[in-house]
Amino acid sequence: MTEILTPKKQPVTLVTGGAGFLGSHLCDKLLAEGHRVYAMDNLLTGNLDNIAHLRSRTDFEFINHNVSNHIDFSGPLDYIFHFASPASPIDYLELPIQTLKVGSLGTHNALGLAKAKGARLLLASTSEVYGDPLIHPQVESYWGNVNPIGPRGVYDEAKRFAEAIVMAYHRYHKLETRIVRIFNTYGPRMRPKDGRIVPAFCCQALKGEPITIFGDGSQTRSFCYVSDLVDGIYRLMMSDCDTPVNIGNPRELTVKDFAVKIKELTGSASPIEYHPLPQDDPKVRQPNIAKARKVLGWEPKVPLEEGLARTIEYFASLIEKGIV
């Protein structure tokens, strides 16, 4: 197992996409670990409410900036977590050009900043680089089955390009880099209408609306609670592993079983409705996390039922406030 390094001085860390769902939880983790944190976001899909509790801290600063444009940053910088990108199907279908630009230009700019500052960069990649996989569960050595010209290709290929340019900087410029392939993650601060299964099912169940399943519900997903995911990502950044690592929960559920679980936990009488499956929607998704276990000493700890209870409570509070 790789030793997890503990920084000796207060590290200065930049999180691009820092006002997003994952980025904001990562800021919480970094601050708890003693970092001085700069969250950079253009708020295209991020939300200042996600970091409102941090704005008064002296060791935290928000920067409103689009990383697809040149990034100016004065002073020293030790770590860059590059999380900026639309990350749900509804976003990258509505924002295809922006998604491609942040994966290419944004990653290039973040790498340029890392090179200039001598900082270590971690790329938030995705299980979507595996596409509609022909190998199950997915292991890091699998090259994927992606349709580059399909509607989802703008996100899949943006992340695949991002991985390629990160490795090019690592090999050519000797830059310290890390790549995490993130599988389905859930928890508080997800956007209620971002088109993903967890917020959709939770809000529909809580409001007594029909739960909409795309396809016959036999497709599978594996859901990791956000605190587990962020712990794995932090361990990866502080490790010496410079090749991609899957971080996710290997517990696999069908979409239909997941809908039934949400109904049980909310006590909802919502009916389940079936709609046509979108083009190129993955039929299976499950991480092989043997590498994360071996290299990082990491595996998820939060049970699905516990994580869902916290997430349902969050969406219930939004509904109560009239936000949803």
Protein backbone atom coordinates (compact mmCIF):
# COMPACT_ATOMS: atom_id res chain seq x y z
CA MET A 1 0.00 0.00 0.00
CA THR A 2 1.27 3.48 -0.86
CA GLU A 3 2.11 5.70 2.07
CA ILE A 4 -0.32 8.61 2.42
CA LEU A 5 1.81 11.71 2.84
CA THR A 6 0.95 14.39 5.39
CA PRO A 7 1.93 17.92 4.32
CA LYS A 8 4.32 19.62 6.79
CA LYS A 9 3.46 23.28 6.02
CA GLN A 10 0.05 24.75 5.29
CA PRO A 11 -0.52 23.78 1.67
CA VAL A 12 -2.14 26.22 -0.75
CA THR A 13 -4.70 24.46 -2.91
CA LEU A 14 -6.89 25.48 -5.85
CA VAL A 15 -10.13 23.64 -6.59
CA THR A 16 -11.58 24.40 -10.01
CA GLY A 17 -15.32 23.80 -10.03
CA GLY A 18 -15.16 24.52 -6.30
CA ALA A 19 -18.79 25.66 -6.02
CA GLY A 20 -20.13 22.46 -7.53
CA PHE A 21 -21.48 19.37 -5.78
CA LEU A 22 -18.20 17.47 -5.55
CA GLY A 23 -15.95 20.53 -5.55
CA SER A 24 -17.63 22.07 -2.51
CA HIS A 25 -17.36 18.84 -0.50
CA LEU A 26 -13.72 18.64 -1.52
CA CYS A 27 -13.17 22.19 -0.21
CA ASP A 28 -14.63 21.06 3.14
CA LYS A 29 -12.23 18.11 3.24
CA LEU A 30 -9.18 20.20 2.33
CA LEU A 31 -9.94 22.82 4.96
CA ALA A 32 -10.37 20.06 7.55
CA GLU A 33 -6.93 18.77 6.53
CA GLY A 34 -5.37 22.20 7.11
CA HIS A 35 -5.12 23.53 3.56
CA ARG A 36 -5.59 27.13 2.48
CA VAL A 37 -8.23 26.73 -0.21
CA TYR A 38 -9.13 28.76 -3.29
CA ALA A 39 -12.35 27.69 -5.00
CA MET A 40 -12.60 28.76 -8.63
CA ASP A 41 -15.92 28.53 -10.47
CA ASN A 42 -17.81 30.45 -13.17
CA LEU A 43 -21.12 29.29 -11.64
CA LEU A 44 -22.38 27.84 -14.93
CA THR A 45 -23.50 24.76 -13.03
CA GLY A 46 -21.98 25.57 -9.61
CA ASN A 47 -23.88 27.30 -6.81
CA LEU A 48 -22.61 29.77 -4.22
CA ASP A 49 -25.01 28.22 -1.68
CA ASN A 50 -22.72 25.17 -1.67
CA ILE A 51 -19.85 27.19 -0.22
CA ALA A 52 -21.82 29.84 1.70
CA HIS A 53 -20.72 28.27 5.00
CA LEU A 54 -17.06 28.80 4.03
CA ARG A 55 -17.09 32.40 2.81
CA SER A 56 -16.30 33.96 6.21
CA ARG A 57 -13.21 31.80 6.76
CA THR A 58 -9.80 33.46 6.46
CA ASP A 59 -8.31 30.31 4.93
CA PHE A 60 -10.85 30.15 2.10
CA GLU A 61 -11.39 32.37 -0.94
CA PHE A 62 -13.78 32.18 -3.88
CA ILE A 63 -12.66 33.25 -7.37
CA ASN A 64 -15.28 33.71 -10.09
CA HIS A 65 -13.50 32.64 -13.26
CA ASN A 66 -14.00 30.44 -16.32
CA VAL A 67 -10.99 28.12 -16.51
CA SER A 68 -11.43 27.79 -20.26
CA ASN A 69 -9.78 31.23 -20.25
CA HIS A 70 -6.21 31.82 -19.03
CA ILE A 71 -5.88 31.41 -15.26
CA ASP A 72 -4.00 34.11 -13.35
CA PHE A 73 -2.99 33.13 -9.83
CA SER A 74 -0.54 35.12 -7.72
CA GLY A 75 1.52 33.57 -4.97
CA PRO A 76 2.56 29.99 -4.29
CA LEU A 77 0.40 27.00 -5.10
CA ASP A 78 0.95 23.40 -4.02
CA TYR A 79 -2.05 21.46 -5.33
CA ILE A 80 -4.68 21.84 -8.06
CA PHE A 81 -7.83 19.71 -8.06
CA HIS A 82 -9.31 20.18 -11.54
CA PHE A 83 -13.03 19.51 -11.11
CA ALA A 84 -14.50 22.20 -13.38
CA SER A 85 -16.96 20.73 -15.89
CA PRO A 86 -20.65 20.21 -16.46
CA ALA A 87 -21.10 16.70 -15.12
CA SER A 88 -24.67 15.52 -15.64
CA PRO A 89 -26.34 14.48 -18.91
CA ILE A 90 -28.82 17.35 -18.85
CA ASP A 91 -25.89 19.81 -18.53
CA TYR A 92 -23.59 18.49 -21.20
CA LEU A 93 -26.48 17.98 -23.64
CA GLU A 94 -27.45 21.64 -23.16
CA LEU A 95 -23.85 22.89 -22.98
CA PRO A 96 -21.93 20.70 -25.44
CA ILE A 97 -19.38 23.30 -26.55
CA GLN A 98 -18.66 24.51 -23.01
CA THR A 99 -18.20 20.89 -21.90
CA LEU A 100 -15.66 20.22 -24.65
CA LYS A 101 -13.85 23.50 -23.96
CA VAL A 102 -13.47 22.97 -20.22
CA GLY A 103 -12.21 19.42 -20.83
CA SER A 104 -9.65 20.62 -23.37
CA LEU A 105 -8.82 24.31 -22.90
CA GLY A 106 -9.69 24.26 -19.19
CA THR A 107 -7.48 21.27 -18.51
CA HIS A 108 -4.68 22.79 -20.60
CA ASN A 109 -4.90 26.03 -18.62
CA ALA A 110 -4.92 24.19 -15.28
CA LEU A 111 -1.88 22.17 -16.36
CA GLY A 112 -0.09 25.34 -17.48
CA LEU A 113 -0.71 26.86 -14.05
CA ALA A 114 0.52 23.69 -12.34
CA LYS A 115 3.69 23.76 -14.45
CA ALA A 116 4.31 27.44 -13.70
CA LYS A 117 3.81 26.98 -9.95
CA GLY A 118 5.41 23.56 -9.58
CA ALA A 119 2.08 22.29 -8.24
CA ARG A 120 0.70 18.76 -8.30
CA LEU A 121 -2.51 18.44 -10.33
CA LEU A 122 -5.31 15.92 -9.90
CA LEU A 123 -7.79 15.52 -12.75
CA ALA A 124 -11.36 14.61 -11.94
CA SER A 125 -12.04 12.14 -14.72
CA THR A 126 -15.04 9.85 -14.87
CA SER A 127 -16.32 6.33 -15.35
CA GLU A 128 -17.83 7.70 -18.57
CA VAL A 129 -14.43 7.20 -20.22
CA TYR A 130 -15.47 3.52 -20.30
CA GLY A 131 -18.59 4.44 -22.31
CA ASP A 132 -21.15 1.61 -22.60
CA PRO A 133 -18.64 -0.95 -21.33
CA LEU A 134 -18.03 -4.39 -22.78
CA ILE A 135 -16.01 -5.39 -19.70
CA HIS A 136 -17.75 -5.66 -16.33
CA PRO A 137 -16.89 -4.56 -13.71
CA GLN A 138 -14.70 -1.84 -15.17
CA VAL A 139 -10.97 -1.96 -14.43
CA GLU A 140 -8.51 0.89 -15.09
CA SER A 141 -6.73 -0.98 -17.88
CA TYR A 142 -9.95 -1.11 -19.95
CA TRP A 143 -9.90 1.39 -22.83
CA GLY A 144 -13.65 1.79 -23.06
CA ASN A 145 -16.45 1.63 -25.62
CA VAL A 146 -17.34 5.25 -26.41
CA ASN A 147 -19.35 6.67 -29.30
CA PRO A 148 -17.38 9.85 -30.12
CA ILE A 149 -20.13 11.36 -32.28
CA GLY A 150 -23.12 10.49 -30.08
CA PRO A 151 -24.82 13.10 -27.87
CA ARG A 152 -22.92 11.90 -24.77
CA GLY A 153 -19.62 12.00 -26.65
CA VAL A 154 -19.01 15.64 -25.76
CA TYR A 155 -18.52 14.67 -22.10
CA ASP A 156 -16.93 11.25 -22.61
CA GLU A 157 -14.39 12.49 -25.13
CA ALA A 158 -13.68 15.71 -23.22
CA LYS A 159 -12.62 13.61 -20.25
CA ARG A 160 -10.68 11.13 -22.39
CA PHE A 161 -8.79 14.05 -23.97
CA ALA A 162 -8.23 15.54 -20.52
CA GLU A 163 -6.64 12.28 -19.37
CA ALA A 164 -4.44 12.24 -22.48
CA ILE A 165 -3.15 15.79 -22.02
CA VAL A 166 -2.57 15.22 -18.29
CA MET A 167 -0.41 12.19 -19.09
CA ALA A 168 1.38 14.16 -21.84
CA TYR A 169 2.31 16.89 -19.32
CA HIS A 170 3.35 14.20 -16.87
CA ARG A 171 5.62 12.47 -19.37
CA TYR A 172 6.93 15.48 -21.33
CA HIS A 173 7.15 18.15 -18.62
CA LYS A 174 7.67 15.74 -15.68
CA LEU A 175 4.66 17.33 -13.97
CA GLU A 176 3.30 15.58 -10.89
CA THR A 177 -0.21 14.47 -11.87
CA ARG A 178 -2.98 12.22 -10.58
CA ILE A 179 -6.14 10.96 -12.34
CA VAL A 180 -9.28 9.80 -10.55
CA ARG A 181 -12.08 8.07 -12.46
CA ILE A 182 -15.20 8.93 -10.50
CA PHE A 183 -18.18 6.59 -10.53
CA ASN A 184 -21.77 7.52 -9.60
CA THR A 185 -21.71 9.67 -6.48
CA TYR A 186 -24.54 11.09 -4.40
CA GLY A 187 -25.19 13.21 -1.32
CA PRO A 188 -26.30 16.66 -0.18
CA ARG A 189 -25.71 19.61 -2.55
CA MET A 190 -26.66 17.72 -5.68
CA ARG A 191 -28.79 19.91 -7.91
CA PRO A 192 -32.44 18.79 -7.75
CA LYS A 193 -32.97 19.04 -11.50
CA ASP A 194 -29.61 17.96 -12.89
CA GLY A 195 -31.09 14.91 -14.63
CA ARG A 196 -29.33 12.29 -12.53
CA ILE A 197 -31.03 9.35 -10.88
CA VAL A 198 -30.56 10.22 -7.20
CA PRO A 199 -32.00 13.77 -7.17
CA ALA A 200 -34.72 12.84 -9.66
CA PHE A 201 -35.94 9.79 -7.73
CA CYS A 202 -35.64 11.48 -4.30
CA CYS A 203 -37.57 14.59 -5.32
CA GLN A 204 -40.23 12.65 -7.23
CA ALA A 205 -40.77 10.27 -4.31
CA LEU A 206 -40.90 13.07 -1.73
CA LYS A 207 -43.43 15.02 -3.80
CA GLY A 208 -45.54 11.97 -4.61
CA GLU A 209 -44.87 12.33 -8.32
CA PRO A 210 -44.30 9.36 -10.67
CA ILE A 211 -40.73 8.02 -10.48
CA THR A 212 -39.43 8.05 -14.05
CA ILE A 213 -37.17 5.21 -15.13
CA PHE A 214 -35.52 5.36 -18.54
CA GLY A 215 -35.39 1.94 -20.17
CA ASP A 216 -36.77 -1.16 -18.45
CA GLY A 217 -34.87 -0.50 -15.22
CA SER A 218 -32.55 -3.48 -15.63
CA GLN A 219 -29.49 -1.29 -16.27
CA THR A 220 -27.17 -1.08 -13.27
CA ARG A 221 -25.43 1.67 -11.35
CA SER A 222 -23.11 1.72 -8.32
CA PHE A 223 -23.57 4.63 -5.91
CA CYS A 224 -20.84 6.03 -3.66
CA TYR A 225 -21.60 8.52 -0.87
CA VAL A 226 -19.80 11.81 -1.33
CA SER A 227 -17.74 11.73 1.88
CA ASP A 228 -16.28 8.36 0.88
CA LEU A 229 -15.48 9.61 -2.60
CA VAL A 230 -13.75 12.76 -1.34
CA ASP A 231 -11.67 10.71 1.11
CA GLY A 232 -10.49 8.50 -1.75
CA ILE A 233 -9.65 11.50 -3.92
CA TYR A 234 -7.65 13.16 -1.14
CA ARG A 235 -5.73 9.92 -0.54
CA LEU A 236 -4.96 9.70 -4.25
CA MET A 237 -3.61 13.26 -4.41
CA MET A 238 -1.35 12.61 -1.42
CA SER A 239 -0.14 9.26 -2.78
CA ASP A 240 2.58 8.63 -5.35
CA CYS A 241 0.25 6.90 -7.84
CA ASP A 242 0.39 8.68 -11.22
CA THR A 243 -1.91 6.39 -13.23
CA PRO A 244 -5.74 6.43 -13.25
CA VAL A 245 -7.58 5.05 -10.22
CA ASN A 246 -11.27 4.13 -10.01
CA ILE A 247 -13.03 5.60 -6.98
CA GLY A 248 -16.58 4.40 -6.44
CA ASN A 249 -18.73 1.90 -4.60
CA PRO A 250 -18.76 -1.59 -6.13
CA ARG A 251 -22.21 -2.39 -4.69
CA GLU A 252 -24.27 -2.73 -7.87
CA LEU A 253 -28.03 -2.14 -8.09
CA THR A 254 -30.48 -2.13 -10.96
CA VAL A 255 -32.13 1.22 -11.56
CA LYS A 256 -35.50 -0.38 -10.76
CA ASP A 257 -34.25 -1.76 -7.42
CA PHE A 258 -32.86 1.67 -6.63
CA ALA A 259 -36.23 3.29 -7.31
CA VAL A 260 -37.90 0.76 -4.99
CA LYS A 261 -35.27 1.52 -2.31
CA ILE A 262 -36.02 5.26 -2.56
CA LYS A 263 -39.74 4.55 -2.26
CA GLU A 264 -39.14 2.49 0.88
CA LEU A 265 -36.92 5.08 2.55
CA THR A 266 -39.31 7.97 1.80
CA GLY A 267 -42.49 6.03 2.50
CA SER A 268 -43.74 7.24 -0.86
CA ALA A 269 -46.68 5.90 -2.81
CA SER A 270 -45.28 7.27 -6.09
CA PRO A 271 -45.92 5.01 -9.07
CA ILE A 272 -43.01 4.01 -11.33
CA GLU A 273 -43.21 5.09 -14.96
CA TYR A 274 -40.98 3.83 -17.80
CA HIS A 275 -39.63 5.98 -20.62
CA PRO A 276 -37.39 5.18 -23.61
CA LEU A 277 -33.68 4.78 -22.83
CA PRO A 278 -31.56 7.71 -24.13
CA GLN A 279 -28.98 7.03 -26.85
CA ASP A 280 -25.69 5.50 -25.62
CA ASP A 281 -26.88 5.31 -22.01
CA PRO A 282 -24.60 2.75 -20.29
CA LYS A 283 -26.29 -0.58 -19.55
CA VAL A 284 -23.93 -1.41 -16.69
CA ARG A 285 -21.67 0.57 -14.40
CA GLN A 286 -19.62 -0.94 -11.58
CA PRO A 287 -16.07 -0.08 -10.53
CA ASN A 288 -13.36 -2.60 -9.90
CA ILE A 289 -11.65 -0.92 -6.90
CA ALA A 290 -8.85 -3.45 -6.34
CA LYS A 291 -6.29 -0.78 -7.26
CA ALA A 292 -7.74 1.79 -4.83
CA ARG A 293 -7.75 -0.83 -2.06
CA LYS A 294 -4.13 -1.83 -2.74
CA VAL A 295 -2.57 1.56 -3.54
CA LEU A 296 -4.61 3.90 -1.32
CA GLY A 297 -5.92 1.58 1.40
CA TRP A 298 -9.35 2.94 0.45
CA GLU A 299 -12.81 1.48 0.16
CA PRO A 300 -16.26 3.00 0.77
CA LYS A 301 -17.61 2.91 4.32
CA VAL A 302 -21.02 4.63 4.28
CA PRO A 303 -23.88 2.11 3.74
CA LEU A 304 -26.28 2.98 0.93
CA GLU A 305 -29.24 3.23 3.28
CA GLU A 306 -27.41 5.67 5.57
CA GLY A 307 -26.17 7.85 2.73
CA LEU A 308 -29.58 7.91 1.10
CA ALA A 309 -31.23 8.91 4.39
CA ARG A 310 -28.91 11.97 4.59
CA THR A 311 -29.53 12.80 0.94
CA ILE A 312 -33.31 12.45 1.23
CA GLU A 313 -33.22 14.76 4.27
CA TYR A 314 -31.36 17.35 2.17
CA PHE A 315 -33.89 17.26 -0.68
CA ALA A 316 -36.78 17.30 1.80
CA SER A 317 -35.37 20.55 3.23
CA LEU A 318 -35.22 22.08 -0.27
CA ILE A 319 -38.81 21.08 -0.94
CA GLU A 320 -39.88 22.54 2.41
CA LYS A 321 -38.20 25.84 1.49
CA GLY A 322 -39.97 25.84 -1.88
CA ILE A 323 -36.69 25.60 -3.80
CA VAL A 324 -37.79 22.42 -5.60
